[in-house]
C-alpha atoms as a PDB file:
ATOM      1  CA  MET A   1     -17.378  18.378  34.739  1.00  0.00           C
ATOM      2  CA  THR A   2     -19.463  21.421  32.919  1.00  0.00           C
ATOM      3  CA  ALA A   3     -21.923  21.014  30.334  1.00  0.00           C
ATOM      4  CA  THR A   4     -19.471  21.939  27.649  1.00  0.00           C
ATOM      5  CA  GLU A   5     -16.862  19.340  28.916  1.00  0.00           C
ATOM      6  CA  THR A   6     -19.496  16.422  28.789  1.00  0.00           C
ATOM      7  CA  ALA A   7     -17.942  13.354  27.315  1.00  0.00           C
ATOM      8  CA  THR A   8     -19.354  11.913  24.044  1.00  0.00           C
ATOM      9  CA  ASP A   9     -19.771   8.318  23.090  1.00  0.00           C
ATOM     10  CA  THR A  10     -17.738   6.647  20.503  1.00  0.00           C
ATOM     11  CA  ALA A  11     -20.401   6.552  17.805  1.00  0.00           C
ATOM     12  CA  ASP A  12     -20.275  10.416  17.992  1.00  0.00           C
ATOM     13  CA  TRP A  13     -16.797  11.116  16.431  1.00  0.00           C
ATOM     14  CA  THR A  14     -14.600   9.911  13.817  1.00  0.00           C
ATOM     15  CA  SER A  15     -11.096   8.359  14.107  1.00  0.00           C
ATOM     16  CA  ASP A  16      -9.737  11.763  12.314  1.00  0.00           C
ATOM     17  CA  GLU A  17     -11.768  13.889  14.988  1.00  0.00           C
ATOM     18  CA  ILE A  18     -10.383  12.126  18.172  1.00  0.00           C
ATOM     19  CA  MET A  19      -6.660  12.319  16.632  1.00  0.00           C
ATOM     20  CA  THR A  20      -7.259  15.940  16.147  1.00  0.00           C
ATOM     21  CA  VAL A  21      -8.848  16.620  19.589  1.00  0.00           C
ATOM     22  CA  VAL A  22      -6.062  14.611  21.517  1.00  0.00           C
ATOM     23  CA  ALA A  23      -3.248  16.520  19.513  1.00  0.00           C
ATOM     24  CA  ALA A  24      -4.925  19.755  20.500  1.00  0.00           C
ATOM     25  CA  ARG A  25      -4.853  18.854  24.142  1.00  0.00           C
ATOM     26  CA  ALA A  26      -1.197  18.349  23.993  1.00  0.00           C
ATOM     27  CA  LEU A  27      -0.671  22.131  23.377  1.00  0.00           C
ATOM     28  CA  ALA A  28      -2.217  23.088  26.371  1.00  0.00           C
ATOM     29  CA  GLY A  29       0.315  25.167  28.537  1.00  0.00           C
ATOM     30  CA  SER A  30       2.301  25.873  25.497  1.00  0.00           C
ATOM     31  CA  ALA A  31       2.816  29.919  24.669  1.00  0.00           C
ATOM     32  CA  THR A  32       4.298  29.332  21.143  1.00  0.00           C
ATOM     33  CA  CYS A  33       3.746  26.846  18.216  1.00  0.00           C
ATOM     34  CA  PHE A  34       5.732  26.485  15.055  1.00  0.00           C
ATOM     35  CA  VAL A  35       3.081  24.897  12.992  1.00  0.00           C
ATOM     36  CA  GLY A  36       3.052  22.655   9.782  1.00  0.00           C
ATOM     37  CA  ILE A  37       0.366  22.744   7.360  1.00  0.00           C
ATOM     38  CA  GLY A  38      -2.429  20.144   7.190  1.00  0.00           C
ATOM     39  CA  LEU A  39      -3.191  18.047  10.298  1.00  0.00           C
ATOM     40  CA  PRO A  40      -0.783  20.130  12.645  1.00  0.00           C
ATOM     41  CA  SER A  41      -2.517  23.307  11.437  1.00  0.00           C
ATOM     42  CA  GLU A  42      -6.078  21.681  12.262  1.00  0.00           C
ATOM     43  CA  ALA A  43      -5.254  20.512  16.065  1.00  0.00           C
ATOM     44  CA  ALA A  44      -3.152  23.801  16.615  1.00  0.00           C
ATOM     45  CA  ASN A  45      -6.144  26.009  15.492  1.00  0.00           C
ATOM     46  CA  LEU A  46      -8.637  23.919  17.628  1.00  0.00           C
ATOM     47  CA  ALA A  47      -5.935  24.138  20.724  1.00  0.00           C
ATOM     48  CA  ARG A  48      -6.316  27.875  20.295  1.00  0.00           C
ATOM     49  CA  ALA A  49      -9.997  27.874  20.202  1.00  0.00           C
ATOM     50  CA  VAL A  50     -10.389  25.739  23.187  1.00  0.00           C
ATOM     51  CA  HIS A  51      -7.547  24.905  25.368  1.00  0.00           C
ATOM     52  CA  GLU A  52      -5.074  27.737  25.117  1.00  0.00           C
ATOM     53  CA  PRO A  53      -6.756  30.806  23.544  1.00  0.00           C
ATOM     54  CA  ASN A  54      -3.155  32.859  24.133  1.00  0.00           C
ATOM     55  CA  LEU A  55      -1.184  30.461  22.039  1.00  0.00           C
ATOM     56  CA  VAL A  56       0.689  32.208  19.435  1.00  0.00           C
ATOM     57  CA  LEU A  57       0.909  30.214  16.046  1.00  0.00           C
ATOM     58  CA  ILE A  58       3.877  30.770  14.113  1.00  0.00           C
ATOM     59  CA  TYR A  59       3.927  29.657  10.264  1.00  0.00           C
ATOM     60  CA  GLU A  60       7.227  29.554   8.317  1.00  0.00           C
ATOM     61  CA  SER A  61       5.930  31.893   5.770  1.00  0.00           C
ATOM     62  CA  GLY A  62       6.713  34.651   8.489  1.00  0.00           C
ATOM     63  CA  THR A  63       3.369  35.081  10.184  1.00  0.00           C
ATOM     64  CA  ILE A  64       3.350  35.593  13.868  1.00  0.00           C
ATOM     65  CA  GLY A  65       0.393  35.241  16.285  1.00  0.00           C
ATOM     66  CA  THR A  66      -1.717  34.328  13.350  1.00  0.00           C
ATOM     67  CA  LYS A  67      -5.770  33.689  14.050  1.00  0.00           C
ATOM     68  CA  PRO A  68      -7.494  32.011  10.937  1.00  0.00           C
ATOM     69  CA  SER A  69     -10.992  31.764  11.154  1.00  0.00           C
ATOM     70  CA  VAL A  70     -10.541  28.887   8.435  1.00  0.00           C
ATOM     71  CA  LEU A  71      -7.579  26.390   7.947  1.00  0.00           C
ATOM     72  CA  PRO A  72      -4.877  27.487   5.555  1.00  0.00           C
ATOM     73  CA  LEU A  73      -4.399  25.642   2.086  1.00  0.00           C
ATOM     74  CA  SER A  74      -0.951  26.558   2.502  1.00  0.00           C
ATOM     75  CA  ILE A  75       1.555  28.448   4.325  1.00  0.00           C
ATOM     76  CA  GLY A  76       1.137  31.368   1.653  1.00  0.00           C
ATOM     77  CA  ASP A  77      -2.715  31.408   2.239  1.00  0.00           C
ATOM     78  CA  GLY A  78      -3.696  35.080   2.657  1.00  0.00           C
ATOM     79  CA  GLU A  79      -5.728  34.100   5.819  1.00  0.00           C
ATOM     80  CA  LEU A  80      -2.543  33.741   7.785  1.00  0.00           C
ATOM     81  CA  ALA A  81      -1.233  37.083   6.919  1.00  0.00           C
ATOM     82  CA  ASP A  82      -4.699  38.999   7.241  1.00  0.00           C
ATOM     83  CA  THR A  83      -4.928  37.576  10.784  1.00  0.00           C
ATOM     84  CA  ALA A  84      -1.506  37.839  12.118  1.00  0.00           C
ATOM     85  CA  ASP A  85      -0.151  40.062  14.935  1.00  0.00           C
ATOM     86  CA  SER A  86       3.036  40.390  12.622  1.00  0.00           C
ATOM     87  CA  VAL A  87       4.476  39.431   9.395  1.00  0.00           C
ATOM     88  CA  VAL A  88       8.203  39.048   9.073  1.00  0.00           C
ATOM     89  CA  SER A  89      10.733  37.864   6.510  1.00  0.00           C
ATOM     90  CA  VAL A  90      11.230  34.034   6.214  1.00  0.00           C
ATOM     91  CA  PRO A  91      14.881  34.574   7.317  1.00  0.00           C
ATOM     92  CA  GLU A  92      13.667  36.254  10.483  1.00  0.00           C
ATOM     93  CA  ILE A  93      11.135  33.552  11.299  1.00  0.00           C
ATOM     94  CA  PHE A  94      13.766  30.969  11.227  1.00  0.00           C
ATOM     95  CA  ALA A  95      16.796  32.758  12.728  1.00  0.00           C
ATOM     96  CA  TYR A  96      15.460  34.665  15.436  1.00  0.00           C
ATOM     97  CA  TRP A  97      12.043  32.931  16.205  1.00  0.00           C
ATOM     98  CA  LEU A  98      12.899  29.338  15.712  1.00  0.00           C
ATOM     99  CA  GLN A  99      16.678  29.179  15.753  1.00  0.00           C
ATOM    100  CA  GLY A 100      16.656  31.723  18.827  1.00  0.00           C
ATOM    101  CA  GLY A 101      14.709  29.079  20.949  1.00  0.00           C
ATOM    102  CA  ARG A 102      11.550  31.274  20.865  1.00  0.00           C
ATOM    103  CA  CYS A 103       9.121  28.338  19.990  1.00  0.00           C
ATOM    104  CA  ASP A 104       7.994  26.060  22.591  1.00  0.00           C
ATOM    105  CA  VAL A 105       6.555  23.335  20.245  1.00  0.00           C
ATOM    106  CA  GLY A 106       7.247  22.497  16.758  1.00  0.00           C
ATOM    107  CA  PHE A 107       4.098  20.451  15.322  1.00  0.00           C
ATOM    108  CA  LEU A 108       4.696  18.290  12.299  1.00  0.00           C
ATOM    109  CA  SER A 109       3.195  15.470  10.188  1.00  0.00           C
ATOM    110  CA  ALA A 110       5.159  12.763   7.927  1.00  0.00           C
ATOM    111  CA  ALA A 111       4.692  10.401   4.975  1.00  0.00           C
ATOM    112  CA  GLN A 112       6.919   7.811   7.200  1.00  0.00           C
ATOM    113  CA  VAL A 113       7.923   7.657  10.845  1.00  0.00           C
ATOM    114  CA  ASP A 114      10.497   5.339  12.419  1.00  0.00           C
ATOM    115  CA  ARG A 115      11.109   3.623  15.905  1.00  0.00           C
ATOM    116  CA  PHE A 116      13.018   6.717  16.731  1.00  0.00           C
ATOM    117  CA  ALA A 117      10.763   9.280  15.433  1.00  0.00           C
ATOM    118  CA  ASN A 118      12.875  10.330  12.533  1.00  0.00           C
ATOM    119  CA  ILE A 119      10.516  11.149   9.707  1.00  0.00           C
ATOM    120  CA  ASN A 120      10.247  11.031   5.911  1.00  0.00           C
ATOM    121  CA  THR A 121       8.526  13.818   3.522  1.00  0.00           C
ATOM    122  CA  THR A 122      10.808  13.500   0.610  1.00  0.00           C
ATOM    123  CA  VAL A 123      10.624  10.205  -1.194  1.00  0.00           C
ATOM    124  CA  VAL A 124       8.854   6.889  -0.816  1.00  0.00           C
ATOM    125  CA  SER A 125      10.219   3.762  -2.870  1.00  0.00           C
ATOM    126  CA  ARG A 126       7.702   1.768  -4.797  1.00  0.00           C
ATOM    127  CA  GLY A 127       9.986  -1.338  -5.045  1.00  0.00           C
ATOM    128  CA  ALA A 128      12.574  -2.349  -7.951  1.00  0.00           C
ATOM    129  CA  GLY A 129      11.643  -1.180 -11.284  1.00  0.00           C
ATOM    130  CA  LYS A 130       9.217   1.395 -10.414  1.00  0.00           C
ATOM    131  CA  PRO A 131       9.699   5.085 -10.290  1.00  0.00           C
ATOM    132  CA  GLU A 132       9.832   6.594  -6.407  1.00  0.00           C
ATOM    133  CA  ILE A 133       7.091   8.565  -5.370  1.00  0.00           C
ATOM    134  CA  ARG A 134       8.216  12.280  -4.770  1.00  0.00           C
ATOM    135  CA  LEU A 135       6.616  14.004  -1.813  1.00  0.00           C
ATOM    136  CA  PRO A 136       6.692  17.845  -0.957  1.00  0.00           C
ATOM    137  CA  GLY A 137      10.230  17.586   0.586  1.00  0.00           C
ATOM    138  CA  ALA A 138      11.622  18.963   3.775  1.00  0.00           C
ATOM    139  CA  GLY A 139      10.227  22.664   3.964  1.00  0.00           C
ATOM    140  CA  GLY A 140      10.924  23.941   7.296  1.00  0.00           C
ATOM    141  CA  ALA A 141      10.701  20.569   9.032  1.00  0.00           C
ATOM    142  CA  PRO A 142      14.362  19.717   9.805  1.00  0.00           C
ATOM    143  CA  GLU A 143      14.602  23.171  11.214  1.00  0.00           C
ATOM    144  CA  ILE A 144      11.734  22.977  13.297  1.00  0.00           C
ATOM    145  CA  ALA A 145      12.635  19.550  14.892  1.00  0.00           C
ATOM    146  CA  ALA A 146      16.281  20.834  15.689  1.00  0.00           C
ATOM    147  CA  HIS A 147      15.159  23.984  17.145  1.00  0.00           C
ATOM    148  CA  ALA A 148      11.907  24.069  18.769  1.00  0.00           C
ATOM    149  CA  ASN A 149      11.897  23.305  22.425  1.00  0.00           C
ATOM    150  CA  LYS A 150       9.900  19.902  21.690  1.00  0.00           C
ATOM    151  CA  THR A 151       8.194  18.420  18.783  1.00  0.00           C
ATOM    152  CA  LEU A 152       4.956  16.956  18.193  1.00  0.00           C
ATOM    153  CA  ILE A 153       3.971  14.669  15.422  1.00  0.00           C
ATOM    154  CA  ILE A 154       0.453  13.869  14.151  1.00  0.00           C
ATOM    155  CA  VAL A 155      -0.249  11.343  11.438  1.00  0.00           C
ATOM    156  CA  ARG A 156      -2.705   8.556  10.592  1.00  0.00           C
ATOM    157  CA  HIS A 157      -1.360   5.153  11.721  1.00  0.00           C
ATOM    158  CA  SER A 158      -0.650   2.240   9.190  1.00  0.00           C
ATOM    159  CA  LYS A 159       2.442   0.035   8.427  1.00  0.00           C
ATOM    160  CA  ARG A 160       2.804   2.169   5.354  1.00  0.00           C
ATOM    161  CA  VAL A 161       3.387   5.122   7.467  1.00  0.00           C
ATOM    162  CA  PHE A 162       5.123   3.409  10.643  1.00  0.00           C
ATOM    163  CA  VAL A 163       8.014   1.630   8.855  1.00  0.00           C
ATOM    164  CA  ASP A 164      11.091  -0.094   9.976  1.00  0.00           C
ATOM    165  CA  LYS A 165      13.424   1.712   7.978  1.00  0.00           C
ATOM    166  CA  LEU A 166      12.708   5.130   6.209  1.00  0.00           C
ATOM    167  CA  ASP A 167      13.237   5.474   2.577  1.00  0.00           C
ATOM    168  CA  PHE A 168      14.530   8.801   3.191  1.00  0.00           C
ATOM    169  CA  VAL A 169      15.393  10.556   6.536  1.00  0.00           C
ATOM    170  CA  THR A 170      14.308  14.102   6.047  1.00  0.00           C
ATOM    171  CA  THR A 171      14.081  15.168   9.469  1.00  0.00           C
ATOM    172  CA  VAL A 172      15.908  13.657  12.572  1.00  0.00           C
ATOM    173  CA  GLY A 173      13.988  12.579  15.542  1.00  0.00           C
ATOM    174  CA  PHE A 174      16.531  10.729  17.762  1.00  0.00           C
ATOM    175  CA  GLY A 175      18.469   9.277  15.002  1.00  0.00           C
ATOM    176  CA  SER A 176      19.566   5.756  15.935  1.00  0.00           C
ATOM    177  CA  GLY A 177      19.407   6.272  19.692  1.00  0.00           C
ATOM    178  CA  PRO A 178      19.628   8.217  22.894  1.00  0.00           C
ATOM    179  CA  ASP A 179      23.069   9.793  22.012  1.00  0.00           C
ATOM    180  CA  ASP A 180      22.660  10.975  18.453  1.00  0.00           C
ATOM    181  CA  ARG A 181      20.705  14.300  19.140  1.00  0.00           C
ATOM    182  CA  LYS A 182      23.609  15.333  21.366  1.00  0.00           C
ATOM    183  CA  LYS A 183      26.099  14.038  18.711  1.00  0.00           C
ATOM    184  CA  PHE A 184      24.486  15.972  15.947  1.00  0.00           C
ATOM    185  CA  GLY A 185      24.610  18.902  17.852  1.00  0.00           C
ATOM    186  CA  LEU A 186      20.808  19.109  18.879  1.00  0.00           C
ATOM    187  CA  HIS A 187      20.090  20.359  22.408  1.00  0.00           C
ATOM    188  CA  THR A 188      16.334  20.645  22.388  1.00  0.00           C
ATOM    189  CA  GLY A 189      13.989  17.846  23.237  1.00  0.00           C
ATOM    190  CA  GLY A 190      13.087  16.329  20.169  1.00  0.00           C
ATOM    191  CA  PRO A 191       9.816  14.501  19.560  1.00  0.00           C
ATOM    192  CA  GLN A 192       7.777  13.910  22.838  1.00  0.00           C
ATOM    193  CA  LYS A 193       4.676  12.583  21.333  1.00  0.00           C
ATOM    194  CA  VAL A 194       3.408  10.992  17.988  1.00  0.00           C
ATOM    195  CA  ILE A 195      -0.452  11.114  17.727  1.00  0.00           C
ATOM    196  CA  THR A 196      -2.320   9.016  15.595  1.00  0.00           C
ATOM    197  CA  ASP A 197      -5.834   8.098  14.641  1.00  0.00           C
ATOM    198  CA  LEU A 198      -5.412   4.659  17.046  1.00  0.00           C
ATOM    199  CA  GLY A 199      -3.360   6.254  20.008  1.00  0.00           C
ATOM    200  CA  VAL A 200      -0.423   8.066  21.275  1.00  0.00           C
ATOM    201  CA  LEU A 201       3.244   6.859  21.272  1.00  0.00           C
ATOM    202  CA  GLU A 202       5.919   8.443  23.313  1.00  0.00           C
ATOM    203  CA  PRO A 203       9.926   8.137  23.274  1.00  0.00           C
ATOM    204  CA  ASP A 204      10.926   5.672  25.845  1.00  0.00           C
ATOM    205  CA  PRO A 205      13.025   7.703  28.627  1.00  0.00           C
ATOM    206  CA  GLU A 206      16.156   5.539  28.247  1.00  0.00           C
ATOM    207  CA  THR A 207      16.364   4.095  24.707  1.00  0.00           C
ATOM    208  CA  CYS A 208      14.247   7.062  22.881  1.00  0.00           C
ATOM    209  CA  GLU A 209      12.448   4.196  21.174  1.00  0.00           C
ATOM    210  CA  LEU A 210       8.664   5.120  20.433  1.00  0.00           C
ATOM    211  CA  THR A 211       6.544   3.003  23.006  1.00  0.00           C
ATOM    212  CA  LEU A 212       2.592   2.944  22.953  1.00  0.00           C
ATOM    213  CA  VAL A 213       1.430   4.870  26.166  1.00  0.00           C
ATOM    214  CA  ALA A 214      -2.431   5.372  25.039  1.00  0.00           C
ATOM    215  CA  VAL A 215      -5.311   3.887  22.620  1.00  0.00           C
ATOM    216  CA  HIS A 216      -8.435   5.920  21.824  1.00  0.00           C
ATOM    217  CA  PRO A 217     -11.736   4.485  23.094  1.00  0.00           C
ATOM    218  CA  GLY A 218     -12.505   1.477  21.031  1.00  0.00           C
ATOM    219  CA  ILE A 219      -9.036   0.786  19.964  1.00  0.00           C
ATOM    220  CA  THR A 220      -7.276  -2.211  20.926  1.00  0.00           C
ATOM    221  CA  VAL A 221      -3.738  -2.580  21.381  1.00  0.00           C
ATOM    222  CA  ASP A 222      -3.618  -5.319  18.967  1.00  0.00           C
ATOM    223  CA  GLN A 223      -4.894  -3.165  16.354  1.00  0.00           C
ATOM    224  CA  VAL A 224      -1.998  -0.501  16.833  1.00  0.00           C
ATOM    225  CA  LEU A 225       0.786  -3.381  16.858  1.00  0.00           C
ATOM    226  CA  ASP A 226      -0.728  -4.688  13.655  1.00  0.00           C
ATOM    227  CA  ALA A 227      -0.595  -1.364  12.173  1.00  0.00           C
ATOM    228  CA  THR A 228       3.243  -0.764  12.857  1.00  0.00           C
ATOM    229  CA  GLY A 229       5.935  -2.096  10.679  1.00  0.00           C
ATOM    230  CA  TRP A 230       8.171  -2.833  13.706  1.00  0.00           C
ATOM    231  CA  PRO A 231       7.849  -4.782  17.029  1.00  0.00           C
ATOM    232  CA  LEU A 232       5.966  -1.887  18.939  1.00  0.00           C
ATOM    233  CA  LYS A 233       6.643  -2.051  22.846  1.00  0.00           C
ATOM    234  CA  VAL A 234       3.851  -1.095  25.298  1.00  0.00           C
ATOM    235  CA  GLY A 235       4.328   1.145  28.310  1.00  0.00           C
ATOM    236  CA  ASP A 236       3.976   0.252  31.787  1.00  0.00           C
ATOM    237  CA  LYS A 237       1.565   3.047  32.397  1.00  0.00           C
ATOM    238  CA  PHE A 238      -0.743   2.281  29.654  1.00  0.00           C
ATOM    239  CA  GLN A 239      -3.998   4.651  29.476  1.00  0.00           C
ATOM    240  CA  VAL A 240      -6.973   5.108  27.346  1.00  0.00           C
ATOM    241  CA  THR A 241      -7.214   8.542  25.968  1.00  0.00           C
ATOM    242  CA  LYS A 242     -10.527  10.643  27.092  1.00  0.00           C
ATOM    243  CA  PRO A 243     -13.134  11.033  24.399  1.00  0.00           C
ATOM    244  CA  PRO A 244     -13.898  14.206  22.926  1.00  0.00           C
ATOM    245  CA  THR A 245     -15.857  16.689  24.865  1.00  0.00           C
ATOM    246  CA  GLU A 246     -18.918  18.415  23.338  1.00  0.00           C
ATOM    247  CA  GLU A 247     -17.064  21.737  23.081  1.00  0.00           C
ATOM    248  CA  GLU A 248     -14.134  20.284  21.296  1.00  0.00           C
ATOM    249  CA  LEU A 249     -16.323  18.427  18.736  1.00  0.00           C
ATOM    250  CA  SER A 250     -18.416  21.526  17.988  1.00  0.00           C
ATOM    251  CA  SER A 251     -15.428  23.713  17.730  1.00  0.00           C
ATOM    252  CA  LEU A 252     -13.789  21.167  15.209  1.00  0.00           C
ATOM    253  CA  ARG A 253     -16.781  20.929  13.163  1.00  0.00           C
ATOM    254  CA  GLU A 254     -17.369  24.559  12.943  1.00  0.00           C
ATOM    255  CA  LEU A 255     -13.968  25.124  11.862  1.00  0.00           C
ATOM    256  CA  HIS A 256     -14.236  22.343   9.110  1.00  0.00           C
ATOM    257  CA  ALA A 257     -17.634  23.898   8.138  1.00  0.00           C
ATOM    258  CA  ARG A 258     -16.215  27.584   7.823  1.00  0.00           C
ATOM    259  CA  THR A 259     -13.085  26.207   6.032  1.00  0.00           C
ATOM    260  CA  LYS A 260     -15.295  24.198   3.434  1.00  0.00           C
ATOM    261  CA  LYS A 261     -17.774  27.191   2.929  1.00  0.00           C
ATOM    262  CA  ALA A 262     -14.583  29.503   2.353  1.00  0.00           C
ATOM    263  CA  HIS A 263     -12.958  27.407  -0.195  1.00  0.00           C
ATOM    264  CA  LEU A 264     -15.733  25.680  -2.019  1.00  0.00           C
ATOM    265  CA  GLY A 265     -18.612  27.838  -1.427  1.00  0.00           C
ATOM    266  CA  ASP A 266     -22.257  26.590  -0.600  1.00  0.00           C
ATOM    267  CA  THR A 267     -21.744  23.417  -2.517  1.00  0.00           C
END
């Protein structure tokens, strides 16, 4: 292990930081990534900085090979176009790049996730007699999950997010089981990892139900089970994720510092 790869102590990083670091590591070996705004964008840009410098980041606004020095506020942020290798139309980005099978990974987040990695980003119920909470909506997520060779999901872990039944199915993961993607005409791999601030979930090879395969240092299995809205199963080959390295943390924190200065100034 080199000096830059020295592991840090659990007191040295936050739950959001290790979530982002572990998600960034999941992109090692990938050539192209269709990136969602927010947590996925954070992890993808960290991956390009530390693990996969040739990773081509694609955003649904039409930017290809973008290399932002700060995190974009939205898919329309000028930073994405200014630093891109190419900017194409939205129809081309979806029809040629995504639906054409040219994206290794689709990287998404969610308001709700169920046991088969279906996600909701449309509407959340507040209970009888109360108005629903409207969310940003689908965006490109259904197409990304359908046509990227595989999908990664990054989201903070709580019972409000990991629910037994979605209030609305925005994006299909595995539907209701292992045969649904084929039945729906989806021939890509679907969700392969769900990375949270508590650990990592992966679909069971036979049932496609999400299974806990790793927790982050300092997190217990019971904490994850208590934060999940269904009886979450624990995988046979259970692990503890590696702590962030000094290089990973410094790169992530520098990215955040540049972003804060760019958007808020020196305040």
